[in-house]
Amino acid sequence: MLSNNQPALPAGTQLDRGRYRIEKRAVVSYMADMYHAVDTRFRRPVTIKMLNEFSSVEERKAAEAWFSNEAALLSKLDHPDLATFHTVS
């Protein structure tokens, strides 16, 4: 597991105007952190992936392109053993 030296969002942090509530950080990587969270509107568990800060504009653009590609691919998959992709914001 890579360390990105960024502090975790505290449990209870609200995102997207209160739609999601962070429970705990699940994965730490160079490009993004993933959090276990709750969709407060539909009362369901979700995983939120948040891009980290980068030292250069080029690194940030590359990470955003990777993330967008990953999101596009995941949105096309439908399998009971895979998570359902909901949104990018």
C-alpha atoms as a PDB file:
ATOM      1  CA  MET A   1       0.000   0.000   0.000  1.00  0.00           C
ATOM      2  CA  LEU A   2       1.425   3.345  -1.050  1.00  0.00           C
ATOM      3  CA  SER A   3       1.268   6.343   1.197  1.00  0.00           C
ATOM      4  CA  ASN A   4       0.186   9.691  -0.175  1.00  0.00           C
ATOM      5  CA  ASN A   5       0.729  11.634   3.074  1.00  0.00           C
ATOM      6  CA  GLN A   6      -2.745  13.143   2.922  1.00  0.00           C
ATOM      7  CA  PRO A   7      -4.932  13.066   6.023  1.00  0.00           C
ATOM      8  CA  ALA A   8      -8.049  10.912   5.851  1.00  0.00           C
ATOM      9  CA  LEU A   9     -11.450  12.541   5.822  1.00  0.00           C
ATOM     10  CA  PRO A  10     -12.869  12.104   9.324  1.00  0.00           C
ATOM     11  CA  ALA A  11     -15.821   9.791   9.911  1.00  0.00           C
ATOM     12  CA  GLY A  12     -19.051  11.737   9.617  1.00  0.00           C
ATOM     13  CA  THR A  13     -17.774  14.090   6.897  1.00  0.00           C
ATOM     14  CA  GLN A  14     -20.658  15.021   4.581  1.00  0.00           C
ATOM     15  CA  LEU A  15     -20.109  15.181   0.810  1.00  0.00           C
ATOM     16  CA  ASP A  16     -22.265  16.385  -2.076  1.00  0.00           C
ATOM     17  CA  ARG A  17     -24.495  18.586   0.117  1.00  0.00           C
ATOM     18  CA  GLY A  18     -25.034  15.817   2.647  1.00  0.00           C
ATOM     19  CA  ARG A  19     -25.870  13.076   0.136  1.00  0.00           C
ATOM     20  CA  TYR A  20     -22.934  10.923   1.292  1.00  0.00           C
ATOM     21  CA  ARG A  21     -21.516  10.427   4.799  1.00  0.00           C
ATOM     22  CA  ILE A  22     -17.962   9.107   5.199  1.00  0.00           C
ATOM     23  CA  GLU A  23     -17.554   6.151   7.553  1.00  0.00           C
ATOM     24  CA  LYS A  24     -13.839   5.370   7.149  1.00  0.00           C
ATOM     25  CA  ARG A  25     -10.963   5.390   4.668  1.00  0.00           C
ATOM     26  CA  ALA A  26     -10.622   1.948   3.097  1.00  0.00           C
ATOM     27  CA  VAL A  27      -7.769   2.292   0.583  1.00  0.00           C
ATOM     28  CA  VAL A  28      -4.803   4.639   0.301  1.00  0.00           C
ATOM     29  CA  SER A  29      -2.926   4.923  -2.994  1.00  0.00           C
ATOM     30  CA  TYR A  30      -0.821   7.412  -4.901  1.00  0.00           C
ATOM     31  CA  MET A  31      -3.654   8.468  -7.211  1.00  0.00           C
ATOM     32  CA  ALA A  32      -6.769   8.248  -5.049  1.00  0.00           C
ATOM     33  CA  ASP A  33      -8.209   7.289  -1.683  1.00  0.00           C
ATOM     34  CA  MET A  34     -11.321   5.146  -1.356  1.00  0.00           C
ATOM     35  CA  TYR A  35     -13.787   5.517   1.493  1.00  0.00           C
ATOM     36  CA  HIS A  36     -16.590   3.401   2.887  1.00  0.00           C
ATOM     37  CA  ALA A  37     -19.587   5.712   3.056  1.00  0.00           C
ATOM     38  CA  VAL A  38     -23.376   5.813   3.230  1.00  0.00           C
ATOM     39  CA  ASP A  39     -25.729   7.229   0.611  1.00  0.00           C
ATOM     40  CA  THR A  40     -28.034   9.053   3.018  1.00  0.00           C
ATOM     41  CA  ARG A  41     -30.823   9.473   0.457  1.00  0.00           C
ATOM     42  CA  PHE A  42     -31.202   5.759  -0.282  1.00  0.00           C
ATOM     43  CA  ARG A  43     -29.676   4.428   2.975  1.00  0.00           C
ATOM     44  CA  ARG A  44     -27.235   2.138   1.187  1.00  0.00           C
ATOM     45  CA  PRO A  45     -23.509   1.513   1.572  1.00  0.00           C
ATOM     46  CA  VAL A  46     -21.307   3.017  -1.128  1.00  0.00           C
ATOM     47  CA  THR A  47     -17.620   3.375  -1.862  1.00  0.00           C
ATOM     48  CA  ILE A  48     -16.313   6.807  -2.769  1.00  0.00           C
ATOM     49  CA  LYS A  49     -13.067   7.263  -4.695  1.00  0.00           C
ATOM     50  CA  MET A  50     -11.450  10.673  -4.343  1.00  0.00           C
ATOM     51  CA  LEU A  51      -8.478  11.848  -6.377  1.00  0.00           C
ATOM     52  CA  ASN A  52      -5.526  13.093  -4.361  1.00  0.00           C
ATOM     53  CA  GLU A  53      -3.706  16.388  -4.748  1.00  0.00           C
ATOM     54  CA  PHE A  54      -0.844  16.334  -7.233  1.00  0.00           C
ATOM     55  CA  SER A  55       2.336  18.386  -7.455  1.00  0.00           C
ATOM     56  CA  SER A  56       1.872  19.297 -11.118  1.00  0.00           C
ATOM     57  CA  VAL A  57      -0.931  20.105 -13.521  1.00  0.00           C
ATOM     58  CA  GLU A  58       0.272  17.310 -15.813  1.00  0.00           C
ATOM     59  CA  GLU A  59      -0.017  14.701 -13.051  1.00  0.00           C
ATOM     60  CA  ARG A  60      -3.506  15.940 -12.187  1.00  0.00           C
ATOM     61  CA  LYS A  61      -4.665  15.826 -15.814  1.00  0.00           C
ATOM     62  CA  ALA A  62      -3.279  12.298 -16.232  1.00  0.00           C
ATOM     63  CA  ALA A  63      -5.061  11.137 -13.061  1.00  0.00           C
ATOM     64  CA  GLU A  64      -8.345  12.744 -14.175  1.00  0.00           C
ATOM     65  CA  ALA A  65      -8.065  11.054 -17.594  1.00  0.00           C
ATOM     66  CA  TRP A  66      -7.382   7.680 -15.940  1.00  0.00           C
ATOM     67  CA  PHE A  67     -10.303   8.160 -13.548  1.00  0.00           C
ATOM     68  CA  SER A  68     -12.679   9.168 -16.369  1.00  0.00           C
ATOM     69  CA  ASN A  69     -11.662   6.136 -18.418  1.00  0.00           C
ATOM     70  CA  GLU A  70     -12.097   3.863 -15.405  1.00  0.00           C
ATOM     71  CA  ALA A  71     -15.553   5.341 -14.741  1.00  0.00           C
ATOM     72  CA  ALA A  72     -16.622   4.877 -18.369  1.00  0.00           C
ATOM     73  CA  LEU A  73     -15.497   1.241 -18.342  1.00  0.00           C
ATOM     74  CA  LEU A  74     -17.124   0.453 -14.988  1.00  0.00           C
ATOM     75  CA  SER A  75     -20.422   2.013 -16.027  1.00  0.00           C
ATOM     76  CA  LYS A  76     -20.696  -0.558 -18.842  1.00  0.00           C
ATOM     77  CA  LEU A  77     -20.209  -3.604 -16.610  1.00  0.00           C
ATOM     78  CA  ASP A  78     -23.066  -5.539 -15.085  1.00  0.00           C
ATOM     79  CA  HIS A  79     -22.130  -8.544 -12.971  1.00  0.00           C
ATOM     80  CA  PRO A  80     -23.257  -9.692  -9.505  1.00  0.00           C
ATOM     81  CA  ASP A  81     -19.658  -9.866  -8.243  1.00  0.00           C
ATOM     82  CA  LEU A  82     -18.849  -6.276  -9.275  1.00  0.00           C
ATOM     83  CA  ALA A  83     -19.860  -3.024  -7.659  1.00  0.00           C
ATOM     84  CA  THR A  84     -22.403  -0.873  -9.448  1.00  0.00           C
ATOM     85  CA  PHE A  85     -21.057   2.416 -10.695  1.00  0.00           C
ATOM     86  CA  HIS A  86     -23.366   5.370  -9.928  1.00  0.00           C
ATOM     87  CA  THR A  87     -21.837   8.783 -10.613  1.00  0.00           C
ATOM     88  CA  VAL A  88     -18.836  11.069 -11.040  1.00  0.00           C
ATOM     89  CA  SER A  89     -18.843  14.477  -9.443  1.00  0.00           C
END
